[in-house]
């Protein structure tokens, strides 16, 4: 589930696997002391009030948003609109990669 070799990176999109926000996507905006990272999505969790989360409760994706990553590196900040845009872009692109039935387990 988690690739410990590469580790989490700023701008990386993650899926939250436990807690109140389970199943939602967010972006790593800051690395904390091991094993914690700070997440924001630009909507519920703004850049100014990120969520501190243990990486064991996250599923790291292979996607790193270059817009978010470069903005944080250059200015130390990123706009909430840019976070929302990066997540929406990732979710729309990943819909095309899913196969029929991936989202559901067959139960009603």
Protein backbone atom coordinates (compact mmCIF):
# COMPACT_ATOMS: atom_id res chain seq x y z
CA UNK A 1 0.00 0.00 0.00
CA UNK A 2 2.74 2.47 0.97
CA UNK A 3 6.03 2.67 -0.88
CA UNK A 4 8.51 3.34 1.93
CA UNK A 5 11.48 3.57 -0.44
CA UNK A 6 10.41 6.82 -2.07
CA UNK A 7 8.48 8.16 0.91
CA UNK A 8 5.86 10.88 0.80
CA UNK A 9 6.63 14.03 -1.19
CA UNK A 10 5.25 17.54 -1.20
CA UNK A 11 2.57 17.83 -3.87
CA UNK A 12 1.78 14.10 -3.83
CA UNK A 13 -1.88 13.14 -3.98
CA UNK A 14 -2.99 10.64 -1.35
CA UNK A 15 -6.17 8.73 -0.53
CA UNK A 16 -7.13 8.80 3.14
CA UNK A 17 -7.81 5.25 4.36
CA UNK A 18 -8.91 5.79 7.97
CA UNK A 19 -10.63 8.36 10.08
CA UNK A 20 -13.49 10.71 9.39
CA UNK A 21 -12.21 11.57 5.91
CA UNK A 22 -11.68 7.96 4.78
CA UNK A 23 -12.04 7.55 1.02
CA UNK A 24 -11.29 11.18 0.21
CA UNK A 25 -8.27 12.54 -1.62
CA UNK A 26 -5.90 15.24 -0.40
CA UNK A 27 -2.47 16.66 -1.23
CA UNK A 28 0.63 16.60 0.95
CA UNK A 29 1.58 20.22 1.54
CA UNK A 30 4.20 19.75 4.26
CA UNK A 31 6.26 16.93 5.74
CA UNK A 32 6.23 16.65 9.52
CA UNK A 33 8.29 14.56 11.87
CA UNK A 34 8.30 10.93 10.77
CA UNK A 35 5.67 9.41 10.27
CA UNK A 36 3.42 12.48 9.93
CA UNK A 37 2.49 14.67 6.96
CA UNK A 38 0.18 17.65 6.61
CA UNK A 39 -2.70 17.43 4.13
CA UNK A 40 -5.00 19.96 2.50
CA UNK A 41 -7.63 19.74 -0.21
CA UNK A 42 -8.40 23.43 -0.70
CA UNK A 43 -12.06 22.95 0.18
CA UNK A 44 -12.68 21.32 3.55
CA UNK A 45 -9.05 21.54 4.64
CA UNK A 46 -7.51 24.84 3.59
CA UNK A 47 -3.78 25.49 3.21
CA UNK A 48 -3.74 27.60 6.40
CA UNK A 49 -5.30 24.81 8.51
CA UNK A 50 -3.92 21.50 7.21
CA UNK A 51 -4.71 18.09 8.69
CA UNK A 52 -1.84 16.28 10.41
CA UNK A 53 -2.03 12.62 9.41
CA UNK A 54 0.06 9.50 9.98
CA UNK A 55 1.29 8.05 6.67
CA UNK A 56 0.12 4.60 7.80
CA UNK A 57 -3.43 5.92 7.38
CA UNK A 58 -2.82 7.02 3.79
CA UNK A 59 -2.57 5.35 0.42
CA UNK A 60 0.09 7.17 -1.58
CA UNK A 61 -0.63 7.56 -5.28
CA UNK A 62 2.02 7.78 -7.98
CA UNK A 63 0.76 11.23 -8.97
CA UNK A 64 2.60 14.36 -7.82
CA UNK A 65 1.07 17.68 -8.85
CA UNK A 66 3.83 19.76 -10.47
CA UNK A 67 1.80 22.97 -10.04
CA UNK A 68 1.41 22.50 -6.29
CA UNK A 69 4.97 21.28 -5.82
CA UNK A 70 6.55 24.21 -7.69
CA UNK A 71 4.32 26.78 -5.97
CA UNK A 72 5.25 25.52 -2.50
CA UNK A 73 8.95 25.38 -3.39
CA UNK A 74 8.99 28.90 -4.88
CA UNK A 75 6.77 30.81 -2.45
CA UNK A 76 6.24 28.46 0.49
CA UNK A 77 2.48 28.62 -0.16
CA UNK A 78 -0.13 27.38 -2.57
CA UNK A 79 -3.59 28.74 -3.22
CA UNK A 80 -6.63 26.73 -2.20
CA UNK A 81 -7.90 27.06 -5.77
CA UNK A 82 -4.75 25.41 -7.09
CA UNK A 83 -5.21 22.54 -4.62
CA UNK A 84 -8.84 22.05 -5.73
CA UNK A 85 -7.82 22.21 -9.39
CA UNK A 86 -5.04 19.63 -8.95
CA UNK A 87 -7.37 17.21 -7.14
CA UNK A 88 -10.16 17.64 -9.68
CA UNK A 89 -7.71 17.06 -12.53
CA UNK A 90 -6.36 13.90 -10.87
CA UNK A 91 -9.83 12.50 -10.14
CA UNK A 92 -11.04 13.18 -13.70
CA UNK A 93 -7.96 11.54 -15.21
CA UNK A 94 -8.18 8.51 -12.93
CA UNK A 95 -11.83 7.92 -13.89
CA UNK A 96 -10.69 7.05 -17.41
CA UNK A 97 -8.09 4.62 -16.08
CA UNK A 98 -10.58 2.65 -13.96
CA UNK A 99 -12.23 -0.43 -15.35
CA UNK A 100 -15.92 -1.12 -15.15
CA UNK A 101 -16.82 -2.29 -11.66
CA UNK A 102 -13.69 -1.02 -9.92
CA UNK A 103 -15.62 1.41 -7.74
CA UNK A 104 -18.14 -1.09 -6.42
CA UNK A 105 -17.76 -4.41 -4.70
CA UNK A 106 -21.04 -5.80 -6.06
CA UNK A 107 -23.01 -5.29 -2.85
CA UNK A 108 -26.04 -3.04 -2.61
